[in-house]
Amino acid sequence: MINGAVEHLLPPEVHGVQGEPDFPEGFLAFYNFGWDLVETLRGIFEVVETRIFADPLLGYTSNNHPLVSGGNMLATVFVCRKARS
């Protein structure tokens, strides 16, 4: 930051829907986790599982992201457990 302003070293990555009334420019992402996150978690936890979260009976059918298949992108969940000592 320079004088309270963000200095972009690379082109900024913006998440969310641009043009929303409350956040017309979207949300600036400072870090975008990739699948390398799984390897990082495996260095910390004994068990790391990747799951898709959906439960239509409870109303969880998507993450409601309007730009991905009309809001039908399923939520990804990481389940991590340390080994018992």
C-alpha atoms as a PDB file:
ATOM      1  CA  MET A   1       0.000   0.000   0.000  1.00  0.00           C
ATOM      2  CA  ILE A   2       1.116   3.483  -0.778  1.00  0.00           C
ATOM      3  CA  ASN A   3      -0.614   6.259   1.169  1.00  0.00           C
ATOM      4  CA  GLY A   4      -3.495   3.884   1.928  1.00  0.00           C
ATOM      5  CA  ALA A   5      -4.005   2.896  -1.731  1.00  0.00           C
ATOM      6  CA  VAL A   6      -3.473  -0.603  -3.079  1.00  0.00           C
ATOM      7  CA  GLU A   7      -0.588  -0.869  -5.536  1.00  0.00           C
ATOM      8  CA  HIS A   8      -1.262  -3.611  -8.094  1.00  0.00           C
ATOM      9  CA  LEU A   9       1.846  -5.532  -9.142  1.00  0.00           C
ATOM     10  CA  LEU A  10      -0.279  -7.712 -11.438  1.00  0.00           C
ATOM     11  CA  PRO A  11      -3.651  -7.066 -13.039  1.00  0.00           C
ATOM     12  CA  PRO A  12      -6.283  -7.067 -10.274  1.00  0.00           C
ATOM     13  CA  GLU A  13      -8.574 -10.076  -9.932  1.00  0.00           C
ATOM     14  CA  VAL A  14     -12.149  -9.158  -9.130  1.00  0.00           C
ATOM     15  CA  HIS A  15     -14.711 -11.617  -7.761  1.00  0.00           C
ATOM     16  CA  GLY A  16     -18.443 -11.272  -7.512  1.00  0.00           C
ATOM     17  CA  VAL A  17     -20.879  -9.721  -9.886  1.00  0.00           C
ATOM     18  CA  GLN A  18     -19.757  -6.425 -11.270  1.00  0.00           C
ATOM     19  CA  GLY A  19     -22.553  -3.906 -11.407  1.00  0.00           C
ATOM     20  CA  GLU A  20     -24.297  -4.908  -8.166  1.00  0.00           C
ATOM     21  CA  PRO A  21     -25.784  -1.779  -6.575  1.00  0.00           C
ATOM     22  CA  ASP A  22     -23.835  -2.126  -3.302  1.00  0.00           C
ATOM     23  CA  PHE A  23     -20.519  -3.204  -4.913  1.00  0.00           C
ATOM     24  CA  PRO A  24     -20.504  -1.941  -8.520  1.00  0.00           C
ATOM     25  CA  GLU A  25     -16.843  -2.871  -9.107  1.00  0.00           C
ATOM     26  CA  GLY A  26     -17.040  -6.349  -7.535  1.00  0.00           C
ATOM     27  CA  PHE A  27     -14.662  -7.541  -4.794  1.00  0.00           C
ATOM     28  CA  LEU A  28     -10.893  -7.335  -5.083  1.00  0.00           C
ATOM     29  CA  ALA A  29      -9.347 -10.764  -4.441  1.00  0.00           C
ATOM     30  CA  PHE A  30      -6.007 -10.635  -2.650  1.00  0.00           C
ATOM     31  CA  TYR A  31      -5.389 -14.378  -2.951  1.00  0.00           C
ATOM     32  CA  ASN A  32      -6.989 -17.020  -5.119  1.00  0.00           C
ATOM     33  CA  PHE A  33      -6.572 -20.510  -3.705  1.00  0.00           C
ATOM     34  CA  GLY A  34      -5.919 -23.228  -6.260  1.00  0.00           C
ATOM     35  CA  TRP A  35      -5.753 -26.998  -5.894  1.00  0.00           C
ATOM     36  CA  ASP A  36      -2.310 -26.526  -4.319  1.00  0.00           C
ATOM     37  CA  LEU A  37      -4.332 -25.709  -1.196  1.00  0.00           C
ATOM     38  CA  VAL A  38      -4.971 -29.461  -0.821  1.00  0.00           C
ATOM     39  CA  GLU A  39      -1.221 -30.176  -0.708  1.00  0.00           C
ATOM     40  CA  THR A  40      -0.706 -27.361   1.798  1.00  0.00           C
ATOM     41  CA  LEU A  41      -3.438 -28.810   4.032  1.00  0.00           C
ATOM     42  CA  ARG A  42      -1.892 -32.295   3.730  1.00  0.00           C
ATOM     43  CA  GLY A  43       1.299 -30.834   5.191  1.00  0.00           C
ATOM     44  CA  ILE A  44      -0.694 -29.803   8.286  1.00  0.00           C
ATOM     45  CA  PHE A  45      -3.372 -32.484   8.684  1.00  0.00           C
ATOM     46  CA  GLU A  46      -3.275 -36.268   8.582  1.00  0.00           C
ATOM     47  CA  VAL A  47      -6.516 -36.586   6.600  1.00  0.00           C
ATOM     48  CA  VAL A  48      -7.690 -34.142   3.942  1.00  0.00           C
ATOM     49  CA  GLU A  49     -10.823 -34.854   1.935  1.00  0.00           C
ATOM     50  CA  THR A  50     -12.479 -32.763  -0.739  1.00  0.00           C
ATOM     51  CA  ARG A  51     -16.246 -33.037  -0.905  1.00  0.00           C
ATOM     52  CA  ILE A  52     -19.096 -31.469  -2.795  1.00  0.00           C
ATOM     53  CA  PHE A  53     -21.773 -30.138  -0.474  1.00  0.00           C
ATOM     54  CA  ALA A  54     -25.388 -30.491  -1.518  1.00  0.00           C
ATOM     55  CA  ASP A  55     -28.494 -31.429   0.424  1.00  0.00           C
ATOM     56  CA  PRO A  56     -31.721 -30.690  -1.445  1.00  0.00           C
ATOM     57  CA  LEU A  57     -33.823 -31.704   1.575  1.00  0.00           C
ATOM     58  CA  LEU A  58     -32.195 -28.920   3.601  1.00  0.00           C
ATOM     59  CA  GLY A  59     -32.252 -26.477   0.696  1.00  0.00           C
ATOM     60  CA  TYR A  60     -28.515 -26.581  -0.123  1.00  0.00           C
ATOM     61  CA  THR A  61     -28.452 -27.083  -3.875  1.00  0.00           C
ATOM     62  CA  SER A  62     -25.879 -24.544  -5.084  1.00  0.00           C
ATOM     63  CA  ASN A  63     -23.775 -21.606  -4.032  1.00  0.00           C
ATOM     64  CA  ASN A  64     -26.161 -19.331  -6.008  1.00  0.00           C
ATOM     65  CA  HIS A  65     -23.294 -17.832  -8.008  1.00  0.00           C
ATOM     66  CA  PRO A  66     -25.136 -16.078 -10.848  1.00  0.00           C
ATOM     67  CA  LEU A  67     -22.280 -16.342 -13.367  1.00  0.00           C
ATOM     68  CA  VAL A  68     -21.760 -20.108 -13.174  1.00  0.00           C
ATOM     69  CA  SER A  69     -24.513 -22.172 -14.825  1.00  0.00           C
ATOM     70  CA  GLY A  70     -27.181 -19.800 -13.605  1.00  0.00           C
ATOM     71  CA  GLY A  71     -26.274 -20.265  -9.934  1.00  0.00           C
ATOM     72  CA  ASN A  72     -25.931 -24.040  -9.972  1.00  0.00           C
ATOM     73  CA  MET A  73     -22.301 -24.408  -8.909  1.00  0.00           C
ATOM     74  CA  LEU A  74     -22.072 -26.818  -5.984  1.00  0.00           C
ATOM     75  CA  ALA A  75     -20.097 -25.771  -2.924  1.00  0.00           C
ATOM     76  CA  THR A  76     -16.697 -27.417  -2.397  1.00  0.00           C
ATOM     77  CA  VAL A  77     -15.818 -28.313   1.196  1.00  0.00           C
ATOM     78  CA  PHE A  78     -12.470 -29.399   2.639  1.00  0.00           C
ATOM     79  CA  VAL A  79     -12.676 -31.801   5.585  1.00  0.00           C
ATOM     80  CA  CYS A  80      -9.413 -31.960   7.557  1.00  0.00           C
ATOM     81  CA  ARG A  81      -8.503 -34.046  10.604  1.00  0.00           C
ATOM     82  CA  LYS A  82      -5.300 -34.342  12.563  1.00  0.00           C
ATOM     83  CA  ALA A  83      -4.094 -37.763  13.573  1.00  0.00           C
ATOM     84  CA  ARG A  84      -5.059 -38.828  17.072  1.00  0.00           C
ATOM     85  CA  SER A  85      -2.145 -38.745  19.468  1.00  0.00           C
END
